[in-house]
Amino acid sequence: MDYPQAKWIDIVATRTEGAAASWLSHEQIAMERGTRAPWSGWAEFSQEMIRAFEPTTDDAQARQQLAALKQTGRIPGYIQKFREIRGRIQDMSVQDEFAAFIRGLQPRIKAQVGALVEDDLAAAMRLAARVELWTTADTSGGGSGGQGGNKEGKGKGKGGGYGARSGGQGPKNQGKVQAVESSVAAVDKGGKKKGQAQSQQQSEGQGQGKKPPCYLCQGPHYVKDCPDMKAASEALKKAKSKN
């Protein structure tokens, strides 16, 4: 059946559902309220409806992915992923692609590359790789030194163990480690002397035939001979005589 073009929009309105029906209803309400102009005809209506439900282009998706890209691993992997996404974007300025690359770097690398390179993506990629290479080499070198010290310490007992720790931490911490060792040795030595003195007192009071310690004043006599006991007895006698 042939309908006039003026009726096409109304016919479409009766056949739409879901998101399309909601969109069309919203636009018609806006026209009734005067917040937007009516469609001039079927051509304008169809073009606007297509734009409203047209899927996002690959270029727009690539731009969103590039904005969200972050370095989570090594620099070569990040550079490869950056180039893959950048290749899908048709038009992007040198400044924008450089800023996107710097923005996704890890903070320790971003600070050095961003301070030394300006608007040169290739140079930024090379410098980022070099910074990661040298910082990783420094870290692994310190770690291997610490491991070597631990292996050496295993063959030397306690002294070797402390030496391994100081070797792993560097010469600045060696004095601190030695001070801790001296303090521990002094405390340990003092604790042993104190324990020996206490055991000697107990042996003298109990194991060599001397009088047991008084439970009132801990003196080397019986309770009946305790000065505190005598003083308490005299005080009790005085209290009774007064009463």
C-alpha atoms as a PDB file:
ATOM      1  CA  MET A   1       0.000   0.000   0.000  1.00  0.00           C
ATOM      2  CA  ASP A   2       1.364   3.395  -0.981  1.00  0.00           C
ATOM      3  CA  TYR A   3       1.401   5.955   1.872  1.00  0.00           C
ATOM      4  CA  PRO A   4       2.253   9.640   1.432  1.00  0.00           C
ATOM      5  CA  GLN A   5       5.690  10.638   2.696  1.00  0.00           C
ATOM      6  CA  ALA A   6       4.146  13.005   5.263  1.00  0.00           C
ATOM      7  CA  LYS A   7       2.760   9.955   7.072  1.00  0.00           C
ATOM      8  CA  TRP A   8       5.969   7.900   7.090  1.00  0.00           C
ATOM      9  CA  ILE A   9       7.195   9.214  10.445  1.00  0.00           C
ATOM     10  CA  ASP A  10       3.854   8.447  12.094  1.00  0.00           C
ATOM     11  CA  ILE A  11       3.867   4.953  10.626  1.00  0.00           C
ATOM     12  CA  VAL A  12       7.397   4.310  11.908  1.00  0.00           C
ATOM     13  CA  ALA A  13       6.312   5.509  15.356  1.00  0.00           C
ATOM     14  CA  THR A  14       3.683   2.755  15.511  1.00  0.00           C
ATOM     15  CA  ARG A  15       6.168   0.059  14.472  1.00  0.00           C
ATOM     16  CA  THR A  16       9.149   0.854  16.710  1.00  0.00           C
ATOM     17  CA  GLU A  17       9.837  -0.721  20.098  1.00  0.00           C
ATOM     18  CA  GLY A  18      12.506  -0.809  22.771  1.00  0.00           C
ATOM     19  CA  ALA A  19      15.248   1.818  22.582  1.00  0.00           C
ATOM     20  CA  ALA A  20      14.000   3.149  19.220  1.00  0.00           C
ATOM     21  CA  ALA A  21      10.487   3.732  20.604  1.00  0.00           C
ATOM     22  CA  SER A  22      11.900   5.485  23.676  1.00  0.00           C
ATOM     23  CA  TRP A  23      14.086   7.738  21.545  1.00  0.00           C
ATOM     24  CA  LEU A  24      11.228   8.656  19.197  1.00  0.00           C
ATOM     25  CA  SER A  25       8.853   9.359  22.080  1.00  0.00           C
ATOM     26  CA  HIS A  26      11.453  11.608  23.740  1.00  0.00           C
ATOM     27  CA  GLU A  27      11.981  13.604  20.551  1.00  0.00           C
ATOM     28  CA  GLN A  28       8.234  14.041  19.947  1.00  0.00           C
ATOM     29  CA  ILE A  29       7.700  15.280  23.520  1.00  0.00           C
ATOM     30  CA  ALA A  30      10.537  17.775  22.987  1.00  0.00           C
ATOM     31  CA  MET A  31       8.817  19.023  19.847  1.00  0.00           C
ATOM     32  CA  GLU A  32       5.510  19.462  21.683  1.00  0.00           C
ATOM     33  CA  ARG A  33       7.258  21.447  24.418  1.00  0.00           C
ATOM     34  CA  GLY A  34       9.028  23.586  21.853  1.00  0.00           C
ATOM     35  CA  THR A  35      12.539  22.609  23.019  1.00  0.00           C
ATOM     36  CA  ARG A  36      13.497  21.352  19.565  1.00  0.00           C
ATOM     37  CA  ALA A  37      12.387  21.982  15.973  1.00  0.00           C
ATOM     38  CA  PRO A  38      10.269  19.382  14.146  1.00  0.00           C
ATOM     39  CA  TRP A  39      11.786  17.341  11.348  1.00  0.00           C
ATOM     40  CA  SER A  40      11.481  19.014   8.006  1.00  0.00           C
ATOM     41  CA  GLY A  41      10.769  15.723   6.307  1.00  0.00           C
ATOM     42  CA  TRP A  42      11.497  12.027   6.047  1.00  0.00           C
ATOM     43  CA  ALA A  43      15.122  12.527   4.915  1.00  0.00           C
ATOM     44  CA  GLU A  44      16.051  14.567   7.990  1.00  0.00           C
ATOM     45  CA  PHE A  45      14.197  12.161  10.306  1.00  0.00           C
ATOM     46  CA  SER A  46      15.869   9.052   8.874  1.00  0.00           C
ATOM     47  CA  GLN A  47      19.372  10.573   9.022  1.00  0.00           C
ATOM     48  CA  GLU A  48      18.940  11.668  12.650  1.00  0.00           C
ATOM     49  CA  MET A  49      17.598   8.264  13.670  1.00  0.00           C
ATOM     50  CA  ILE A  50      20.532   6.504  11.990  1.00  0.00           C
ATOM     51  CA  ARG A  51      23.030   8.750  13.810  1.00  0.00           C
ATOM     52  CA  ALA A  52      21.295   8.055  17.125  1.00  0.00           C
ATOM     53  CA  PHE A  53      21.714   4.291  16.798  1.00  0.00           C
ATOM     54  CA  GLU A  54      24.789   4.063  14.602  1.00  0.00           C
ATOM     55  CA  PRO A  55      27.423   1.843  16.249  1.00  0.00           C
ATOM     56  CA  THR A  56      30.592   3.495  17.495  1.00  0.00           C
ATOM     57  CA  THR A  57      33.240   3.644  14.803  1.00  0.00           C
ATOM     58  CA  ASP A  58      36.537   1.809  15.169  1.00  0.00           C
ATOM     59  CA  ASP A  59      38.373   5.130  15.255  1.00  0.00           C
ATOM     60  CA  ALA A  60      36.403   6.293  18.285  1.00  0.00           C
ATOM     61  CA  GLN A  61      36.916   2.950  20.030  1.00  0.00           C
ATOM     62  CA  ALA A  62      40.650   3.135  19.372  1.00  0.00           C
ATOM     63  CA  ARG A  63      40.835   6.628  20.842  1.00  0.00           C
ATOM     64  CA  GLN A  64      39.055   5.460  23.990  1.00  0.00           C
ATOM     65  CA  GLN A  65      41.369   2.453  24.301  1.00  0.00           C
ATOM     66  CA  LEU A  66      44.449   4.637  23.834  1.00  0.00           C
ATOM     67  CA  ALA A  67      43.254   7.035  26.528  1.00  0.00           C
ATOM     68  CA  ALA A  68      42.785   4.126  28.951  1.00  0.00           C
ATOM     69  CA  LEU A  69      46.031   2.320  28.070  1.00  0.00           C
ATOM     70  CA  LYS A  70      48.437   1.940  31.023  1.00  0.00           C
ATOM     71  CA  GLN A  71      51.827   0.279  31.357  1.00  0.00           C
ATOM     72  CA  THR A  72      51.343  -2.779  33.553  1.00  0.00           C
ATOM     73  CA  GLY A  73      54.378  -4.782  32.448  1.00  0.00           C
ATOM     74  CA  ARG A  74      57.621  -4.187  30.592  1.00  0.00           C
ATOM     75  CA  ILE A  75      58.164  -1.286  28.191  1.00  0.00           C
ATOM     76  CA  PRO A  76      58.394  -3.387  24.968  1.00  0.00           C
ATOM     77  CA  GLY A  77      54.927  -4.838  25.567  1.00  0.00           C
ATOM     78  CA  TYR A  78      53.490  -1.404  26.304  1.00  0.00           C
ATOM     79  CA  ILE A  79      55.040   0.062  23.133  1.00  0.00           C
ATOM     80  CA  GLN A  80      53.673  -2.772  21.002  1.00  0.00           C
ATOM     81  CA  LYS A  81      50.156  -2.339  22.379  1.00  0.00           C
ATOM     82  CA  PHE A  82      50.384   1.442  21.918  1.00  0.00           C
ATOM     83  CA  ARG A  83      51.378   1.062  18.259  1.00  0.00           C
ATOM     84  CA  GLU A  84      48.570  -1.420  17.583  1.00  0.00           C
ATOM     85  CA  ILE A  85      45.918   0.972  18.914  1.00  0.00           C
ATOM     86  CA  ARG A  86      47.523   4.059  17.354  1.00  0.00           C
ATOM     87  CA  GLY A  87      47.466   2.404  13.929  1.00  0.00           C
ATOM     88  CA  ARG A  88      43.666   2.224  14.008  1.00  0.00           C
ATOM     89  CA  ILE A  89      43.290   5.988  14.459  1.00  0.00           C
ATOM     90  CA  GLN A  90      43.035   7.824  11.166  1.00  0.00           C
ATOM     91  CA  ASP A  91      43.997  11.336  12.226  1.00  0.00           C
ATOM     92  CA  MET A  92      45.984  12.157  15.374  1.00  0.00           C
ATOM     93  CA  SER A  93      48.396  15.009  15.963  1.00  0.00           C
ATOM     94  CA  VAL A  94      52.001  14.492  17.024  1.00  0.00           C
ATOM     95  CA  GLN A  95      51.354  16.261  20.299  1.00  0.00           C
ATOM     96  CA  ASP A  96      48.335  14.082  21.109  1.00  0.00           C
ATOM     97  CA  GLU A  97      50.056  10.773  20.425  1.00  0.00           C
ATOM     98  CA  PHE A  98      53.126  11.843  22.422  1.00  0.00           C
ATOM     99  CA  ALA A  99      50.942  12.925  25.354  1.00  0.00           C
ATOM    100  CA  ALA A 100      49.011   9.632  25.214  1.00  0.00           C
ATOM    101  CA  PHE A 101      52.236   7.605  25.306  1.00  0.00           C
ATOM    102  CA  ILE A 102      53.679   9.559  28.247  1.00  0.00           C
ATOM    103  CA  ARG A 103      50.386   9.425  30.146  1.00  0.00           C
ATOM    104  CA  GLY A 104      50.320   5.621  30.143  1.00  0.00           C
ATOM    105  CA  LEU A 105      53.866   5.106  31.453  1.00  0.00           C
ATOM    106  CA  GLN A 106      54.612   4.021  34.999  1.00  0.00           C
ATOM    107  CA  PRO A 107      55.317   7.014  37.280  1.00  0.00           C
ATOM    108  CA  ARG A 108      59.049   6.337  37.766  1.00  0.00           C
ATOM    109  CA  ILE A 109      59.614   6.202  33.979  1.00  0.00           C
ATOM    110  CA  LYS A 110      57.125   8.945  33.118  1.00  0.00           C
ATOM    111  CA  ALA A 111      58.942  11.482  35.302  1.00  0.00           C
ATOM    112  CA  GLN A 112      62.274  10.995  33.509  1.00  0.00           C
ATOM    113  CA  VAL A 113      61.006  10.649  29.944  1.00  0.00           C
ATOM    114  CA  GLY A 114      58.556  13.539  30.232  1.00  0.00           C
ATOM    115  CA  ALA A 115      61.283  15.821  31.594  1.00  0.00           C
ATOM    116  CA  LEU A 116      63.858  15.021  28.895  1.00  0.00           C
ATOM    117  CA  VAL A 117      61.810  14.562  25.691  1.00  0.00           C
ATOM    118  CA  GLU A 118      59.299  16.905  24.060  1.00  0.00           C
ATOM    119  CA  ASP A 119      56.836  15.989  21.274  1.00  0.00           C
ATOM    120  CA  ASP A 120      59.047  13.218  19.845  1.00  0.00           C
ATOM    121  CA  LEU A 121      57.316   9.838  20.147  1.00  0.00           C
ATOM    122  CA  ALA A 122      60.204   7.769  18.764  1.00  0.00           C
ATOM    123  CA  ALA A 123      62.707   9.396  21.131  1.00  0.00           C
ATOM    124  CA  ALA A 124      60.325   8.932  24.054  1.00  0.00           C
ATOM    125  CA  MET A 125      60.006   5.222  23.285  1.00  0.00           C
ATOM    126  CA  ARG A 126      63.791   4.772  23.089  1.00  0.00           C
ATOM    127  CA  LEU A 127      64.388   6.667  26.332  1.00  0.00           C
ATOM    128  CA  ALA A 128      61.657   4.768  28.170  1.00  0.00           C
ATOM    129  CA  ALA A 129      63.281   1.476  27.180  1.00  0.00           C
ATOM    130  CA  ARG A 130      66.710   2.693  28.348  1.00  0.00           C
ATOM    131  CA  VAL A 131      65.364   3.970  31.681  1.00  0.00           C
ATOM    132  CA  GLU A 132      63.678   0.652  32.363  1.00  0.00           C
ATOM    133  CA  LEU A 133      66.813  -1.253  31.331  1.00  0.00           C
ATOM    134  CA  TRP A 134      69.109   0.633  33.680  1.00  0.00           C
ATOM    135  CA  THR A 135      66.743   0.802  36.644  1.00  0.00           C
ATOM    136  CA  THR A 136      66.093  -2.934  36.341  1.00  0.00           C
ATOM    137  CA  ALA A 137      69.832  -3.615  36.129  1.00  0.00           C
ATOM    138  CA  ASP A 138      70.480  -1.602  39.310  1.00  0.00           C
ATOM    139  CA  THR A 139      67.757  -3.445  41.187  1.00  0.00           C
ATOM    140  CA  SER A 140      68.859  -6.899  40.072  1.00  0.00           C
ATOM    141  CA  GLY A 141      72.500  -6.070  40.890  1.00  0.00           C
ATOM    142  CA  GLY A 142      71.649  -5.160  44.476  1.00  0.00           C
ATOM    143  CA  GLY A 143      69.546  -8.262  44.830  1.00  0.00           C
ATOM    144  CA  SER A 144      72.296 -10.575  43.575  1.00  0.00           C
ATOM    145  CA  GLY A 145      74.755  -9.028  46.010  1.00  0.00           C
ATOM    146  CA  GLY A 146      72.392  -9.732  48.854  1.00  0.00           C
ATOM    147  CA  GLN A 147      71.983 -13.329  47.751  1.00  0.00           C
ATOM    148  CA  GLY A 148      75.707 -13.810  47.517  1.00  0.00           C
ATOM    149  CA  GLY A 149      76.091 -12.508  51.043  1.00  0.00           C
ATOM    150  CA  ASN A 150      73.465 -14.931  52.313  1.00  0.00           C
ATOM    151  CA  LYS A 151      75.273 -17.873  50.752  1.00  0.00           C
ATOM    152  CA  GLU A 152      78.504 -16.774  52.372  1.00  0.00           C
ATOM    153  CA  GLY A 153      76.782 -16.310  55.710  1.00  0.00           C
ATOM    154  CA  LYS A 154      75.507 -19.875  55.761  1.00  0.00           C
ATOM    155  CA  GLY A 155      79.050 -21.183  56.013  1.00  0.00           C
ATOM    156  CA  LYS A 156      80.046 -18.863  58.897  1.00  0.00           C
ATOM    157  CA  GLY A 157      77.259 -19.282  61.413  1.00  0.00           C
ATOM    158  CA  LYS A 158      75.791 -16.261  63.200  1.00  0.00           C
ATOM    159  CA  GLY A 159      78.617 -13.940  62.287  1.00  0.00           C
ATOM    160  CA  GLY A 160      78.221 -14.798  58.614  1.00  0.00           C
ATOM    161  CA  GLY A 161      74.466 -14.207  58.850  1.00  0.00           C
ATOM    162  CA  TYR A 162      74.884 -10.646  60.100  1.00  0.00           C
ATOM    163  CA  GLY A 163      77.574 -10.073  57.494  1.00  0.00           C
ATOM    164  CA  ALA A 164      75.211 -11.237  54.786  1.00  0.00           C
ATOM    165  CA  ARG A 165      72.578  -8.754  55.864  1.00  0.00           C
ATOM    166  CA  SER A 166      75.031  -5.873  55.978  1.00  0.00           C
ATOM    167  CA  GLY A 167      76.415  -6.880  52.579  1.00  0.00           C
ATOM    168  CA  GLY A 168      72.946  -6.901  51.076  1.00  0.00           C
ATOM    169  CA  GLN A 169      72.010  -3.533  52.592  1.00  0.00           C
ATOM    170  CA  GLY A 170      75.200  -1.705  51.660  1.00  0.00           C
ATOM    171  CA  PRO A 171      78.104  -0.106  53.581  1.00  0.00           C
ATOM    172  CA  LYS A 172      75.878   2.638  55.045  1.00  0.00           C
ATOM    173  CA  ASN A 173      74.045   0.115  57.210  1.00  0.00           C
ATOM    174  CA  GLN A 174      77.130  -1.809  58.304  1.00  0.00           C
ATOM    175  CA  GLY A 175      77.727   0.416  61.349  1.00  0.00           C
ATOM    176  CA  LYS A 176      74.087   0.048  62.415  1.00  0.00           C
ATOM    177  CA  VAL A 177      74.312  -3.725  62.157  1.00  0.00           C
ATOM    178  CA  GLN A 178      77.490  -3.810  64.253  1.00  0.00           C
ATOM    179  CA  ALA A 179      75.860  -1.613  66.900  1.00  0.00           C
ATOM    180  CA  VAL A 180      72.883  -3.924  67.066  1.00  0.00           C
ATOM    181  CA  GLU A 181      75.186  -6.924  67.384  1.00  0.00           C
ATOM    182  CA  SER A 182      77.065  -5.291  70.280  1.00  0.00           C
ATOM    183  CA  SER A 183      73.825  -4.375  72.044  1.00  0.00           C
ATOM    184  CA  VAL A 184      72.441  -7.874  71.682  1.00  0.00           C
ATOM    185  CA  ALA A 185      75.675  -9.383  72.976  1.00  0.00           C
ATOM    186  CA  ALA A 186      75.729  -7.048  75.973  1.00  0.00           C
ATOM    187  CA  VAL A 187      72.129  -7.771  76.874  1.00  0.00           C
ATOM    188  CA  ASP A 188      72.676 -11.472  76.434  1.00  0.00           C
ATOM    189  CA  LYS A 189      75.786 -11.394  78.622  1.00  0.00           C
ATOM    190  CA  GLY A 190      74.050  -9.360  81.324  1.00  0.00           C
ATOM    191  CA  GLY A 191      71.069 -11.691  81.310  1.00  0.00           C
ATOM    192  CA  LYS A 192      73.306 -14.717  81.776  1.00  0.00           C
ATOM    193  CA  LYS A 193      75.104 -13.072  84.745  1.00  0.00           C
ATOM    194  CA  LYS A 194      71.799 -12.160  86.350  1.00  0.00           C
ATOM    195  CA  GLY A 195      70.484 -15.680  85.911  1.00  0.00           C
ATOM    196  CA  GLN A 196      73.651 -17.144  87.372  1.00  0.00           C
ATOM    197  CA  ALA A 197      73.426 -14.843  90.406  1.00  0.00           C
ATOM    198  CA  GLN A 198      69.814 -15.801  91.071  1.00  0.00           C
ATOM    199  CA  SER A 199      70.545 -19.498  90.797  1.00  0.00           C
ATOM    200  CA  GLN A 200      73.518 -19.060  93.143  1.00  0.00           C
ATOM    201  CA  GLN A 201      71.353 -17.317  95.743  1.00  0.00           C
ATOM    202  CA  GLN A 202      68.752 -20.058  95.586  1.00  0.00           C
ATOM    203  CA  SER A 203      71.388 -22.738  95.967  1.00  0.00           C
ATOM    204  CA  GLU A 204      72.934 -20.920  98.923  1.00  0.00           C
ATOM    205  CA  GLY A 205      69.559 -20.480 100.600  1.00  0.00           C
ATOM    206  CA  GLN A 206      68.165 -23.941 100.034  1.00  0.00           C
ATOM    207  CA  GLY A 207      70.802 -26.433  98.906  1.00  0.00           C
ATOM    208  CA  GLN A 208      73.655 -25.826 101.422  1.00  0.00           C
ATOM    209  CA  GLY A 209      71.939 -26.360 104.780  1.00  0.00           C
ATOM    210  CA  LYS A 210      71.308 -22.681 105.560  1.00  0.00           C
ATOM    211  CA  LYS A 211      68.049 -21.368 107.036  1.00  0.00           C
ATOM    212  CA  PRO A 212      65.219 -21.060 104.504  1.00  0.00           C
ATOM    213  CA  PRO A 213      64.163 -17.559 103.491  1.00  0.00           C
ATOM    214  CA  CYS A 214      61.422 -15.930 105.570  1.00  0.00           C
ATOM    215  CA  TYR A 215      58.155 -15.579 103.667  1.00  0.00           C
ATOM    216  CA  LEU A 216      57.520 -12.185 105.316  1.00  0.00           C
ATOM    217  CA  CYS A 217      60.727 -10.350 104.493  1.00  0.00           C
ATOM    218  CA  GLN A 218      62.566 -12.981 102.447  1.00  0.00           C
ATOM    219  CA  GLY A 219      65.424 -12.914 104.976  1.00  0.00           C
ATOM    220  CA  PRO A 220      67.725 -15.909 105.723  1.00  0.00           C
ATOM    221  CA  HIS A 221      65.889 -16.929 108.923  1.00  0.00           C
ATOM    222  CA  TYR A 222      62.776 -18.652 110.134  1.00  0.00           C
ATOM    223  CA  VAL A 223      59.516 -16.785 110.439  1.00  0.00           C
ATOM    224  CA  LYS A 224      59.566 -16.888 114.247  1.00  0.00           C
ATOM    225  CA  ASP A 225      62.908 -15.031 114.204  1.00  0.00           C
ATOM    226  CA  CYS A 226      61.733 -12.400 111.710  1.00  0.00           C
ATOM    227  CA  PRO A 227      62.063  -8.792 113.000  1.00  0.00           C
ATOM    228  CA  ASP A 228      58.774  -7.944 111.294  1.00  0.00           C
ATOM    229  CA  MET A 229      57.048 -10.751 113.156  1.00  0.00           C
ATOM    230  CA  LYS A 230      58.443  -9.538 116.482  1.00  0.00           C
ATOM    231  CA  ALA A 231      57.369  -5.969 115.779  1.00  0.00           C
ATOM    232  CA  ALA A 232      53.886  -7.142 114.873  1.00  0.00           C
ATOM    233  CA  SER A 233      53.629  -9.209 118.099  1.00  0.00           C
ATOM    234  CA  GLU A 234      54.665  -6.270 120.272  1.00  0.00           C
ATOM    235  CA  ALA A 235      52.152  -4.000 118.554  1.00  0.00           C
ATOM    236  CA  LEU A 236      49.413  -6.553 119.152  1.00  0.00           C
ATOM    237  CA  LYS A 237      50.322  -6.821 122.858  1.00  0.00           C
ATOM    238  CA  LYS A 238      50.187  -3.044 123.268  1.00  0.00           C
ATOM    239  CA  ALA A 239      46.784  -2.912 121.583  1.00  0.00           C
ATOM    240  CA  LYS A 240      45.408  -5.594 123.917  1.00  0.00           C
ATOM    241  CA  SER A 241      46.759  -3.870 127.040  1.00  0.00           C
ATOM    242  CA  LYS A 242      45.056  -0.617 126.097  1.00  0.00           C
ATOM    243  CA  ASN A 243      41.719  -2.374 125.656  1.00  0.00           C
END
